[in-house]
Amino acid sequence: MNNKHFNNERGFTLIEMMIVMLIISVLLIITIPNVTRHNTNINNKGCEAYVKMVQAQVQAYEMDVNKIPTIDDLKTAGYIMKDSKGCPNGEAIKIDADGTVTAVANE
């Protein structure tokens, strides 16, 4: 039996494995901050869309009831969902006396 064919099998060396791990680490270090930045941007865009949706519901409520609603009025009347917690980025929704909807940071 010839043992020569067993000697031809070759695995990765420790140096090669460490180089691969270094490359993966560098890619992760570059990628993770970009994902976080995009997530914040997505949440801010979601908040803008939510504010516009609530503004439309305020206008609909005002046409139906002939008064400027509060957030609780909109929830009670079914114009927005009762379990609505505000913007995806954590900001709350505020309705001014003139019916303008804005997002405000939670205090």
PDB file of N, CA and C in Angstrom:
ATOM      1  N   MET A   1       0.835  -1.176   0.000  1.00  0.00           N
ATOM      2  CA  MET A   1       0.000   0.000   0.000  1.00  0.00           C
ATOM      3  C   MET A   1       0.881   1.241   0.000  1.00  0.00           C
ATOM      4  N   ASN A   2       0.514   2.207  -0.769  1.00  0.00           N
ATOM      5  CA  ASN A   2       1.331   3.396  -0.930  1.00  0.00           C
ATOM      6  C   ASN A   2       0.807   4.501  -0.007  1.00  0.00           C
ATOM      7  N   ASN A   3       1.644   4.983   0.899  1.00  0.00           N
ATOM      8  CA  ASN A   3       1.268   6.043   1.835  1.00  0.00           C
ATOM      9  C   ASN A   3       1.399   7.432   1.230  1.00  0.00           C
ATOM     10  N   LYS A   4       1.901   7.492   0.028  1.00  0.00           N
ATOM     11  CA  LYS A   4       2.129   8.773  -0.606  1.00  0.00           C
ATOM     12  C   LYS A   4       0.828   9.552  -0.825  1.00  0.00           C
ATOM     13  N   HIS A   5      -0.254   8.882  -1.084  1.00  0.00           N
ATOM     14  CA  HIS A   5      -1.520   9.563  -1.365  1.00  0.00           C
ATOM     15  C   HIS A   5      -2.101  10.191  -0.104  1.00  0.00           C
ATOM     16  N   PHE A   6      -1.763   9.737   1.088  1.00  0.00           N
ATOM     17  CA  PHE A   6      -2.208  10.371   2.326  1.00  0.00           C
ATOM     18  C   PHE A   6      -1.452  11.674   2.590  1.00  0.00           C
ATOM     19  N   ASN A   7      -0.232  11.786   2.145  1.00  0.00           N
ATOM     20  CA  ASN A   7       0.568  12.980   2.371  1.00  0.00           C
ATOM     21  C   ASN A   7       0.136  14.153   1.487  1.00  0.00           C
ATOM     22  N   ASN A   8      -0.616  13.887   0.435  1.00  0.00           N
ATOM     23  CA  ASN A   8      -1.059  14.949  -0.459  1.00  0.00           C
ATOM     24  C   ASN A   8      -2.247  15.736   0.108  1.00  0.00           C
ATOM     25  N   GLU A   9      -2.946  15.163   1.115  1.00  0.00           N
ATOM     26  CA  GLU A   9      -4.062  15.883   1.729  1.00  0.00           C
ATOM     27  C   GLU A   9      -3.505  17.022   2.554  1.00  0.00           C
ATOM     28  N   ARG A  10      -4.102  18.206   2.352  1.00  0.00           N
ATOM     29  CA  ARG A  10      -3.568  19.380   3.024  1.00  0.00           C
ATOM     30  C   ARG A  10      -4.723  20.205   3.568  1.00  0.00           C
ATOM     31  N   GLY A  11      -4.648  20.652   4.803  1.00  0.00           N
ATOM     32  CA  GLY A  11      -5.669  21.504   5.400  1.00  0.00           C
ATOM     33  C   GLY A  11      -5.183  22.940   5.437  1.00  0.00           C
ATOM     34  N   PHE A  12      -5.967  23.787   6.087  1.00  0.00           N
ATOM     35  CA  PHE A  12      -5.568  25.176   6.228  1.00  0.00           C
ATOM     36  C   PHE A  12      -4.571  25.319   7.369  1.00  0.00           C
ATOM     37  N   THR A  13      -3.604  26.199   7.191  1.00  0.00           N
ATOM     38  CA  THR A  13      -2.657  26.460   8.268  1.00  0.00           C
ATOM     39  C   THR A  13      -3.261  27.485   9.226  1.00  0.00           C
ATOM     40  N   LEU A  14      -2.660  27.630  10.373  1.00  0.00           N
ATOM     41  CA  LEU A  14      -3.136  28.582  11.367  1.00  0.00           C
ATOM     42  C   LEU A  14      -3.068  30.013  10.820  1.00  0.00           C
ATOM     43  N   ILE A  15      -2.024  30.325  10.103  1.00  0.00           N
ATOM     44  CA  ILE A  15      -1.880  31.669   9.521  1.00  0.00           C
ATOM     45  C   ILE A  15      -3.004  31.948   8.526  1.00  0.00           C
ATOM     46  N   GLU A  16      -3.326  30.992   7.673  1.00  0.00           N
ATOM     47  CA  GLU A  16      -4.410  31.177   6.705  1.00  0.00           C
ATOM     48  C   GLU A  16      -5.749  31.393   7.418  1.00  0.00           C
ATOM     49  N   MET A  17      -6.002  30.641   8.452  1.00  0.00           N
ATOM     50  CA  MET A  17      -7.248  30.798   9.216  1.00  0.00           C
ATOM     51  C   MET A  17      -7.307  32.173   9.886  1.00  0.00           C
ATOM     52  N   MET A  18      -6.177  32.635  10.410  1.00  0.00           N
ATOM     53  CA  MET A  18      -6.154  33.944  11.069  1.00  0.00           C
ATOM     54  C   MET A  18      -6.368  35.069  10.053  1.00  0.00           C
ATOM     55  N   ILE A  19      -5.845  34.932   8.849  1.00  0.00           N
ATOM     56  CA  ILE A  19      -6.054  35.936   7.809  1.00  0.00           C
ATOM     57  C   ILE A  19      -7.533  36.000   7.436  1.00  0.00           C
ATOM     58  N   VAL A  20      -8.179  34.842   7.304  1.00  0.00           N
ATOM     59  CA  VAL A  20      -9.611  34.805   7.002  1.00  0.00           C
ATOM     60  C   VAL A  20     -10.404  35.477   8.123  1.00  0.00           C
ATOM     61  N   MET A  21     -10.068  35.191   9.372  1.00  0.00           N
ATOM     62  CA  MET A  21     -10.759  35.799  10.512  1.00  0.00           C
ATOM     63  C   MET A  21     -10.546  37.321  10.530  1.00  0.00           C
ATOM     64  N   LEU A  22      -9.351  37.769  10.183  1.00  0.00           N
ATOM     65  CA  LEU A  22      -9.066  39.203  10.119  1.00  0.00           C
ATOM     66  C   LEU A  22      -9.927  39.880   9.055  1.00  0.00           C
ATOM     67  N   ILE A  23     -10.038  39.269   7.893  1.00  0.00           N
ATOM     68  CA  ILE A  23     -10.854  39.833   6.815  1.00  0.00           C
ATOM     69  C   ILE A  23     -12.323  39.902   7.227  1.00  0.00           C
ATOM     70  N   ILE A  24     -12.827  38.844   7.836  1.00  0.00           N
ATOM     71  CA  ILE A  24     -14.224  38.834   8.301  1.00  0.00           C
ATOM     72  C   ILE A  24     -14.434  39.922   9.355  1.00  0.00           C
ATOM     73  N   SER A  25     -13.491  40.075  10.268  1.00  0.00           N
ATOM     74  CA  SER A  25     -13.609  41.103  11.312  1.00  0.00           C
ATOM     75  C   SER A  25     -13.636  42.502  10.719  1.00  0.00           C
ATOM     76  N   VAL A  26     -12.780  42.766   9.753  1.00  0.00           N
ATOM     77  CA  VAL A  26     -12.749  44.086   9.115  1.00  0.00           C
ATOM     78  C   VAL A  26     -14.077  44.356   8.397  1.00  0.00           C
ATOM     79  N   LEU A  27     -14.611  43.365   7.714  1.00  0.00           N
ATOM     80  CA  LEU A  27     -15.895  43.533   7.032  1.00  0.00           C
ATOM     81  C   LEU A  27     -17.018  43.833   8.024  1.00  0.00           C
ATOM     82  N   LEU A  28     -17.017  43.156   9.164  1.00  0.00           N
ATOM     83  CA  LEU A  28     -18.031  43.414  10.187  1.00  0.00           C
ATOM     84  C   LEU A  28     -17.892  44.814  10.777  1.00  0.00           C
ATOM     85  N   ILE A  29     -16.659  45.235  11.017  1.00  0.00           N
ATOM     86  CA  ILE A  29     -16.420  46.571  11.578  1.00  0.00           C
ATOM     87  C   ILE A  29     -16.908  47.655  10.620  1.00  0.00           C
ATOM     88  N   ILE A  30     -16.780  47.426   9.330  1.00  0.00           N
ATOM     89  CA  ILE A  30     -17.238  48.393   8.333  1.00  0.00           C
ATOM     90  C   ILE A  30     -18.759  48.349   8.178  1.00  0.00           C
ATOM     91  N   THR A  31     -19.344  47.163   8.235  1.00  0.00           N
ATOM     92  CA  THR A  31     -20.764  46.979   7.935  1.00  0.00           C
ATOM     93  C   THR A  31     -21.688  47.409   9.066  1.00  0.00           C
ATOM     94  N   ILE A  32     -21.379  47.094  10.300  1.00  0.00           N
ATOM     95  CA  ILE A  32     -22.302  47.328  11.419  1.00  0.00           C
ATOM     96  C   ILE A  32     -22.669  48.801  11.595  1.00  0.00           C
ATOM     97  N   PRO A  33     -21.741  49.759  11.563  1.00  0.00           N
ATOM     98  CA  PRO A  33     -22.169  51.163  11.679  1.00  0.00           C
ATOM     99  C   PRO A  33     -23.081  51.610  10.539  1.00  0.00           C
ATOM    100  N   ASN A  34     -22.862  51.112   9.322  1.00  0.00           N
ATOM    101  CA  ASN A  34     -23.727  51.473   8.199  1.00  0.00           C
ATOM    102  C   ASN A  34     -25.141  50.956   8.395  1.00  0.00           C
ATOM    103  N   VAL A  35     -25.280  49.746   8.919  1.00  0.00           N
ATOM    104  CA  VAL A  35     -26.606  49.184   9.175  1.00  0.00           C
ATOM    105  C   VAL A  35     -27.321  50.024  10.228  1.00  0.00           C
ATOM    106  N   THR A  36     -26.624  50.427  11.279  1.00  0.00           N
ATOM    107  CA  THR A  36     -27.219  51.246  12.330  1.00  0.00           C
ATOM    108  C   THR A  36     -27.661  52.593  11.779  1.00  0.00           C
ATOM    109  N   ARG A  37     -26.853  53.201  10.952  1.00  0.00           N
ATOM    110  CA  ARG A  37     -27.186  54.493  10.360  1.00  0.00           C
ATOM    111  C   ARG A  37     -28.428  54.373   9.484  1.00  0.00           C
ATOM    112  N   HIS A  38     -28.504  53.316   8.693  1.00  0.00           N
ATOM    113  CA  HIS A  38     -29.665  53.129   7.821  1.00  0.00           C
ATOM    114  C   HIS A  38     -30.919  52.835   8.632  1.00  0.00           C
ATOM    115  N   ASN A  39     -30.792  52.125   9.741  1.00  0.00           N
ATOM    116  CA  ASN A  39     -31.931  51.821  10.595  1.00  0.00           C
ATOM    117  C   ASN A  39     -32.514  53.115  11.166  1.00  0.00           C
ATOM    118  N   THR A  40     -31.665  54.031  11.590  1.00  0.00           N
ATOM    119  CA  THR A  40     -32.124  55.324  12.100  1.00  0.00           C
ATOM    120  C   THR A  40     -32.843  56.097  11.005  1.00  0.00           C
ATOM    121  N   ASN A  41     -32.294  56.092   9.807  1.00  0.00           N
ATOM    122  CA  ASN A  41     -32.907  56.778   8.676  1.00  0.00           C
ATOM    123  C   ASN A  41     -34.283  56.185   8.357  1.00  0.00           C
ATOM    124  N   ILE A  42     -34.392  54.874   8.392  1.00  0.00           N
ATOM    125  CA  ILE A  42     -35.664  54.198   8.130  1.00  0.00           C
ATOM    126  C   ILE A  42     -36.696  54.593   9.185  1.00  0.00           C
ATOM    127  N   ASN A  43     -36.304  54.615  10.458  1.00  0.00           N
ATOM    128  CA  ASN A  43     -37.230  55.000  11.521  1.00  0.00           C
ATOM    129  C   ASN A  43     -37.672  56.456  11.381  1.00  0.00           C
ATOM    130  N   ASN A  44     -36.775  57.338  10.975  1.00  0.00           N
ATOM    131  CA  ASN A  44     -37.148  58.743  10.772  1.00  0.00           C
ATOM    132  C   ASN A  44     -38.130  58.900   9.613  1.00  0.00           C
ATOM    133  N   LYS A  45     -37.912  58.165   8.522  1.00  0.00           N
ATOM    134  CA  LYS A  45     -38.843  58.200   7.390  1.00  0.00           C
ATOM    135  C   LYS A  45     -40.205  57.647   7.812  1.00  0.00           C
ATOM    136  N   GLY A  46     -40.198  56.593   8.631  1.00  0.00           N
ATOM    137  CA  GLY A  46     -41.443  56.027   9.142  1.00  0.00           C
ATOM    138  C   GLY A  46     -42.191  57.027  10.001  1.00  0.00           C
ATOM    139  N   CYS A  47     -41.472  57.826  10.772  1.00  0.00           N
ATOM    140  CA  CYS A  47     -42.096  58.846  11.611  1.00  0.00           C
ATOM    141  C   CYS A  47     -42.734  59.923  10.744  1.00  0.00           C
ATOM    142  N   GLU A  48     -42.041  60.343   9.699  1.00  0.00           N
ATOM    143  CA  GLU A  48     -42.609  61.343   8.788  1.00  0.00           C
ATOM    144  C   GLU A  48     -43.904  60.837   8.167  1.00  0.00           C
ATOM    145  N   ALA A  49     -43.916  59.572   7.761  1.00  0.00           N
ATOM    146  CA  ALA A  49     -45.119  58.990   7.161  1.00  0.00           C
ATOM    147  C   ALA A  49     -46.241  58.891   8.191  1.00  0.00           C
ATOM    148  N   TYR A  50     -45.902  58.531   9.427  1.00  0.00           N
ATOM    149  CA  TYR A  50     -46.908  58.420  10.483  1.00  0.00           C
ATOM    150  C   TYR A  50     -47.528  59.781  10.789  1.00  0.00           C
ATOM    151  N   VAL A  51     -46.704  60.831  10.826  1.00  0.00           N
ATOM    152  CA  VAL A  51     -47.208  62.185  11.074  1.00  0.00           C
ATOM    153  C   VAL A  51     -48.195  62.586   9.967  1.00  0.00           C
ATOM    154  N   LYS A  52     -47.858  62.287   8.712  1.00  0.00           N
ATOM    155  CA  LYS A  52     -48.758  62.614   7.602  1.00  0.00           C
ATOM    156  C   LYS A  52     -50.069  61.835   7.698  1.00  0.00           C
ATOM    157  N   MET A  53     -49.987  60.577   8.117  1.00  0.00           N
ATOM    158  CA  MET A  53     -51.190  59.769   8.252  1.00  0.00           C
ATOM    159  C   MET A  53     -52.083  60.322   9.363  1.00  0.00           C
ATOM    160  N   VAL A  54     -51.494  60.680  10.496  1.00  0.00           N
ATOM    161  CA  VAL A  54     -52.275  61.240  11.599  1.00  0.00           C
ATOM    162  C   VAL A  54     -52.857  62.591  11.187  1.00  0.00           C
ATOM    163  N   GLN A  55     -52.097  63.389  10.434  1.00  0.00           N
ATOM    164  CA  GLN A  55     -52.609  64.680   9.949  1.00  0.00           C
ATOM    165  C   GLN A  55     -53.859  64.471   9.095  1.00  0.00           C
ATOM    166  N   ALA A  56     -53.832  63.464   8.238  1.00  0.00           N
ATOM    167  CA  ALA A  56     -55.002  63.161   7.410  1.00  0.00           C
ATOM    168  C   ALA A  56     -56.184  62.735   8.278  1.00  0.00           C
ATOM    169  N   GLN A  57     -55.919  61.971   9.340  1.00  0.00           N
ATOM    170  CA  GLN A  57     -57.005  61.538  10.228  1.00  0.00           C
ATOM    171  C   GLN A  57     -57.564  62.709  11.034  1.00  0.00           C
ATOM    172  N   VAL A  58     -56.704  63.657  11.391  1.00  0.00           N
ATOM    173  CA  VAL A  58     -57.168  64.867  12.085  1.00  0.00           C
ATOM    174  C   VAL A  58     -58.122  65.637  11.176  1.00  0.00           C
ATOM    175  N   GLN A  59     -57.766  65.761   9.914  1.00  0.00           N
ATOM    176  CA  GLN A  59     -58.625  66.475   8.974  1.00  0.00           C
ATOM    177  C   GLN A  59     -59.954  65.750   8.767  1.00  0.00           C
ATOM    178  N   ALA A  60     -59.912  64.432   8.695  1.00  0.00           N
ATOM    179  CA  ALA A  60     -61.145  63.659   8.531  1.00  0.00           C
ATOM    180  C   ALA A  60     -62.038  63.809   9.767  1.00  0.00           C
ATOM    181  N   TYR A  61     -61.429  63.728  10.949  1.00  0.00           N
ATOM    182  CA  TYR A  61     -62.185  63.888  12.195  1.00  0.00           C
ATOM    183  C   TYR A  61     -62.802  65.285  12.263  1.00  0.00           C
ATOM    184  N   GLU A  62     -62.014  66.278  11.880  1.00  0.00           N
ATOM    185  CA  GLU A  62     -62.493  67.666  11.927  1.00  0.00           C
ATOM    186  C   GLU A  62     -63.680  67.862  10.980  1.00  0.00           C
ATOM    187  N   MET A  63     -63.653  67.231   9.818  1.00  0.00           N
ATOM    188  CA  MET A  63     -64.783  67.337   8.894  1.00  0.00           C
ATOM    189  C   MET A  63     -66.016  66.613   9.443  1.00  0.00           C
ATOM    190  N   ASP A  64     -65.799  65.471  10.111  1.00  0.00           N
ATOM    191  CA  ASP A  64     -66.925  64.694  10.636  1.00  0.00           C
ATOM    192  C   ASP A  64     -67.550  65.322  11.881  1.00  0.00           C
ATOM    193  N   VAL A  65     -66.717  65.794  12.812  1.00  0.00           N
ATOM    194  CA  VAL A  65     -67.194  66.227  14.127  1.00  0.00           C
ATOM    195  C   VAL A  65     -67.180  67.744  14.275  1.00  0.00           C
ATOM    196  N   ASN A  66     -66.486  68.415  13.388  1.00  0.00           N
ATOM    197  CA  ASN A  66     -66.383  69.877  13.395  1.00  0.00           C
ATOM    198  C   ASN A  66     -65.638  70.416  14.622  1.00  0.00           C
ATOM    199  N   LYS A  67     -64.586  69.701  15.026  1.00  0.00           N
ATOM    200  CA  LYS A  67     -63.690  70.196  16.073  1.00  0.00           C
ATOM    201  C   LYS A  67     -62.331  69.544  15.905  1.00  0.00           C
ATOM    202  N   ILE A  68     -61.298  70.203  16.434  1.00  0.00           N
ATOM    203  CA  ILE A  68     -59.928  69.670  16.382  1.00  0.00           C
ATOM    204  C   ILE A  68     -59.822  68.570  17.444  1.00  0.00           C
ATOM    205  N   PRO A  69     -59.390  67.378  17.054  1.00  0.00           N
ATOM    206  CA  PRO A  69     -59.320  66.276  18.024  1.00  0.00           C
ATOM    207  C   PRO A  69     -58.007  66.265  18.802  1.00  0.00           C
ATOM    208  N   THR A  70     -58.009  65.501  19.870  1.00  0.00           N
ATOM    209  CA  THR A  70     -56.772  65.133  20.565  1.00  0.00           C
ATOM    210  C   THR A  70     -56.399  63.733  20.074  1.00  0.00           C
ATOM    211  N   ILE A  71     -55.236  63.275  20.461  1.00  0.00           N
ATOM    212  CA  ILE A  71     -54.836  61.904  20.106  1.00  0.00           C
ATOM    213  C   ILE A  71     -55.846  60.914  20.684  1.00  0.00           C
ATOM    214  N   ASP A  72     -56.271  61.152  21.928  1.00  0.00           N
ATOM    215  CA  ASP A  72     -57.243  60.251  22.561  1.00  0.00           C
ATOM    216  C   ASP A  72     -58.574  60.260  21.807  1.00  0.00           C
ATOM    217  N   ASP A  73     -58.995  61.415  21.310  1.00  0.00           N
ATOM    218  CA  ASP A  73     -60.228  61.483  20.518  1.00  0.00           C
ATOM    219  C   ASP A  73     -60.108  60.610  19.266  1.00  0.00           C
ATOM    220  N   LEU A  74     -58.968  60.689  18.603  1.00  0.00           N
ATOM    221  CA  LEU A  74     -58.755  59.888  17.390  1.00  0.00           C
ATOM    222  C   LEU A  74     -58.777  58.396  17.703  1.00  0.00           C
ATOM    223  N   LYS A  75     -58.169  58.014  18.816  1.00  0.00           N
ATOM    224  CA  LYS A  75     -58.148  56.596  19.209  1.00  0.00           C
ATOM    225  C   LYS A  75     -59.542  56.122  19.578  1.00  0.00           C
ATOM    226  N   THR A  76     -60.264  56.909  20.365  1.00  0.00           N
ATOM    227  CA  THR A  76     -61.603  56.521  20.814  1.00  0.00           C
ATOM    228  C   THR A  76     -62.567  56.389  19.635  1.00  0.00           C
ATOM    229  N   ALA A  77     -62.479  57.309  18.685  1.00  0.00           N
ATOM    230  CA  ALA A  77     -63.375  57.299  17.525  1.00  0.00           C
ATOM    231  C   ALA A  77     -62.946  56.307  16.448  1.00  0.00           C
ATOM    232  N   GLY A  78     -61.790  55.672  16.621  1.00  0.00           N
ATOM    233  CA  GLY A  78     -61.342  54.667  15.665  1.00  0.00           C
ATOM    234  C   GLY A  78     -60.605  55.208  14.458  1.00  0.00           C
ATOM    235  N   TYR A  79     -60.159  56.450  14.517  1.00  0.00           N
ATOM    236  CA  TYR A  79     -59.415  57.028  13.395  1.00  0.00           C
ATOM    237  C   TYR A  79     -57.968  56.526  13.359  1.00  0.00           C
ATOM    238  N   ILE A  80     -57.412  56.238  14.528  1.00  0.00           N
ATOM    239  CA  ILE A  80     -56.103  55.575  14.604  1.00  0.00           C
ATOM    240  C   ILE A  80     -56.230  54.422  15.602  1.00  0.00           C
ATOM    241  N   MET A  81     -55.326  53.467  15.523  1.00  0.00           N
ATOM    242  CA  MET A  81     -55.396  52.285  16.387  1.00  0.00           C
ATOM    243  C   MET A  81     -55.179  52.665  17.844  1.00  0.00           C
ATOM    244  N   LYS A  82     -55.910  51.996  18.729  1.00  0.00           N
ATOM    245  CA  LYS A  82     -55.826  52.299  20.162  1.00  0.00           C
ATOM    246  C   LYS A  82     -54.463  51.968  20.745  1.00  0.00           C
ATOM    247  N   ASP A  83     -53.780  50.967  20.181  1.00  0.00           N
ATOM    248  CA  ASP A  83     -52.468  50.579  20.718  1.00  0.00           C
ATOM    249  C   ASP A  83     -51.318  51.297  20.017  1.00  0.00           C
ATOM    250  N   SER A  84     -51.644  52.334  19.253  1.00  0.00           N
ATOM    251  CA  SER A  84     -50.619  53.111  18.565  1.00  0.00           C
ATOM    252  C   SER A  84     -49.734  53.828  19.585  1.00  0.00           C
ATOM    253  N   LYS A  85     -48.428  53.632  19.468  1.00  0.00           N
ATOM    254  CA  LYS A  85     -47.492  54.189  20.444  1.00  0.00           C
ATOM    255  C   LYS A  85     -46.724  55.394  19.912  1.00  0.00           C
ATOM    256  N   GLY A  86     -46.994  55.822  18.711  1.00  0.00           N
ATOM    257  CA  GLY A  86     -46.274  56.956  18.147  1.00  0.00           C
ATOM    258  C   GLY A  86     -45.322  56.526  17.061  1.00  0.00           C
ATOM    259  N   CYS A  87     -44.326  57.336  16.853  1.00  0.00           N
ATOM    260  CA  CYS A  87     -43.364  57.121  15.767  1.00  0.00           C
ATOM    261  C   CYS A  87     -42.471  55.904  16.021  1.00  0.00           C
ATOM    262  N   PRO A  88     -41.990  55.281  14.930  1.00  0.00           N
ATOM    263  CA  PRO A  88     -41.050  54.170  15.070  1.00  0.00           C
ATOM    264  C   PRO A  88     -39.727  54.578  15.718  1.00  0.00           C
ATOM    265  N   ASN A  89     -39.359  55.858  15.613  1.00  0.00           N
ATOM    266  CA  ASN A  89     -38.092  56.298  16.202  1.00  0.00           C
ATOM    267  C   ASN A  89     -38.253  56.712  17.665  1.00  0.00           C
ATOM    268  N   GLY A  90     -39.444  56.501  18.241  1.00  0.00           N
ATOM    269  CA  GLY A  90     -39.656  56.771  19.656  1.00  0.00           C
ATOM    270  C   GLY A  90     -40.249  58.138  19.965  1.00  0.00           C
ATOM    271  N   GLU A  91     -40.407  58.980  18.959  1.00  0.00           N
ATOM    272  CA  GLU A  91     -40.983  60.299  19.200  1.00  0.00           C
ATOM    273  C   GLU A  91     -42.495  60.190  19.363  1.00  0.00           C
ATOM    274  N   ALA A  92     -43.059  61.109  20.130  1.00  0.00           N
ATOM    275  CA  ALA A  92     -44.501  61.153  20.340  1.00  0.00           C
ATOM    276  C   ALA A  92     -45.145  62.085  19.319  1.00  0.00           C
ATOM    277  N   ILE A  93     -46.445  61.927  19.144  1.00  0.00           N
ATOM    278  CA  ILE A  93     -47.207  62.760  18.221  1.00  0.00           C
ATOM    279  C   ILE A  93     -47.970  63.802  19.027  1.00  0.00           C
ATOM    280  N   LYS A  94     -47.950  65.042  18.532  1.00  0.00           N
ATOM    281  CA  LYS A  94     -48.640  66.144  19.203  1.00  0.00           C
ATOM    282  C   LYS A  94     -49.537  66.845  18.188  1.00  0.00           C
ATOM    283  N   ILE A  95     -50.765  67.153  18.622  1.00  0.00           N
ATOM    284  CA  ILE A  95     -51.691  67.903  17.771  1.00  0.00           C
ATOM    285  C   ILE A  95     -51.841  69.291  18.376  1.00  0.00           C
ATOM    286  N   ASP A  96     -51.467  70.327  17.606  1.00  0.00           N
ATOM    287  CA  ASP A  96     -51.575  71.712  18.072  1.00  0.00           C
ATOM    288  C   ASP A  96     -53.030  72.177  18.046  1.00  0.00           C
ATOM    289  N   ALA A  97     -53.276  73.339  18.620  1.00  0.00           N
ATOM    290  CA  ALA A  97     -54.631  73.899  18.697  1.00  0.00           C
ATOM    291  C   ALA A  97     -55.221  74.158  17.316  1.00  0.00           C
ATOM    292  N   ASP A  98     -54.356  74.383  16.316  1.00  0.00           N
ATOM    293  CA  ASP A  98     -54.869  74.621  14.965  1.00  0.00           C
ATOM    294  C   ASP A  98     -54.996  73.329  14.146  1.00  0.00           C
ATOM    295  N   GLY A  99     -54.683  72.181  14.758  1.00  0.00           N
ATOM    296  CA  GLY A  99     -54.821  70.891  14.084  1.00  0.00           C
ATOM    297  C   GLY A  99     -53.578  70.396  13.389  1.00  0.00           C
ATOM    298  N   THR A 100     -52.467  71.103  13.571  1.00  0.00           N
ATOM    299  CA  THR A 100     -51.205  70.682  12.957  1.00  0.00           C
ATOM    300  C   THR A 100     -50.578  69.563  13.779  1.00  0.00           C
ATOM    301  N   VAL A 101     -50.197  68.491  13.097  1.00  0.00           N
ATOM    302  CA  VAL A 101     -49.595  67.331  13.763  1.00  0.00           C
ATOM    303  C   VAL A 101     -48.079  67.427  13.629  1.00  0.00           C
ATOM    304  N   THR A 102     -47.380  67.248  14.755  1.00  0.00           N
ATOM    305  CA  THR A 102     -45.913  67.237  14.751  1.00  0.00           C
ATOM    306  C   THR A 102     -45.416  66.094  15.615  1.00  0.00           C
ATOM    307  N   ALA A 103     -44.181  65.695  15.345  1.00  0.00           N
ATOM    308  CA  ALA A 103     -43.526  64.688  16.171  1.00  0.00           C
ATOM    309  C   ALA A 103     -42.631  65.423  17.164  1.00  0.00           C
ATOM    310  N   VAL A 104     -42.707  65.024  18.430  1.00  0.00           N
ATOM    311  CA  VAL A 104     -41.891  65.659  19.465  1.00  0.00           C
ATOM    312  C   VAL A 104     -41.134  64.581  20.219  1.00  0.00           C
ATOM    313  N   ALA A 105     -39.922  64.920  20.631  1.00  0.00           N
ATOM    314  CA  ALA A 105     -39.105  63.971  21.378  1.00  0.00           C
ATOM    315  C   ALA A 105     -39.742  63.715  22.745  1.00  0.00           C
ATOM    316  N   ASN A 106     -39.710  62.457  23.155  1.00  0.00           N
ATOM    317  CA  ASN A 106     -40.225  62.112  24.484  1.00  0.00           C
ATOM    318  C   ASN A 106     -39.329  62.694  25.550  1.00  0.00           C
ATOM    319  N   GLU A 107     -39.936  63.223  26.576  1.00  0.00           N
ATOM    320  CA  GLU A 107     -39.140  63.845  27.646  1.00  0.00           C
ATOM    321  C   GLU A 107     -39.120  62.975  28.859  1.00  0.00           C
TER     322      GLU A 107
END
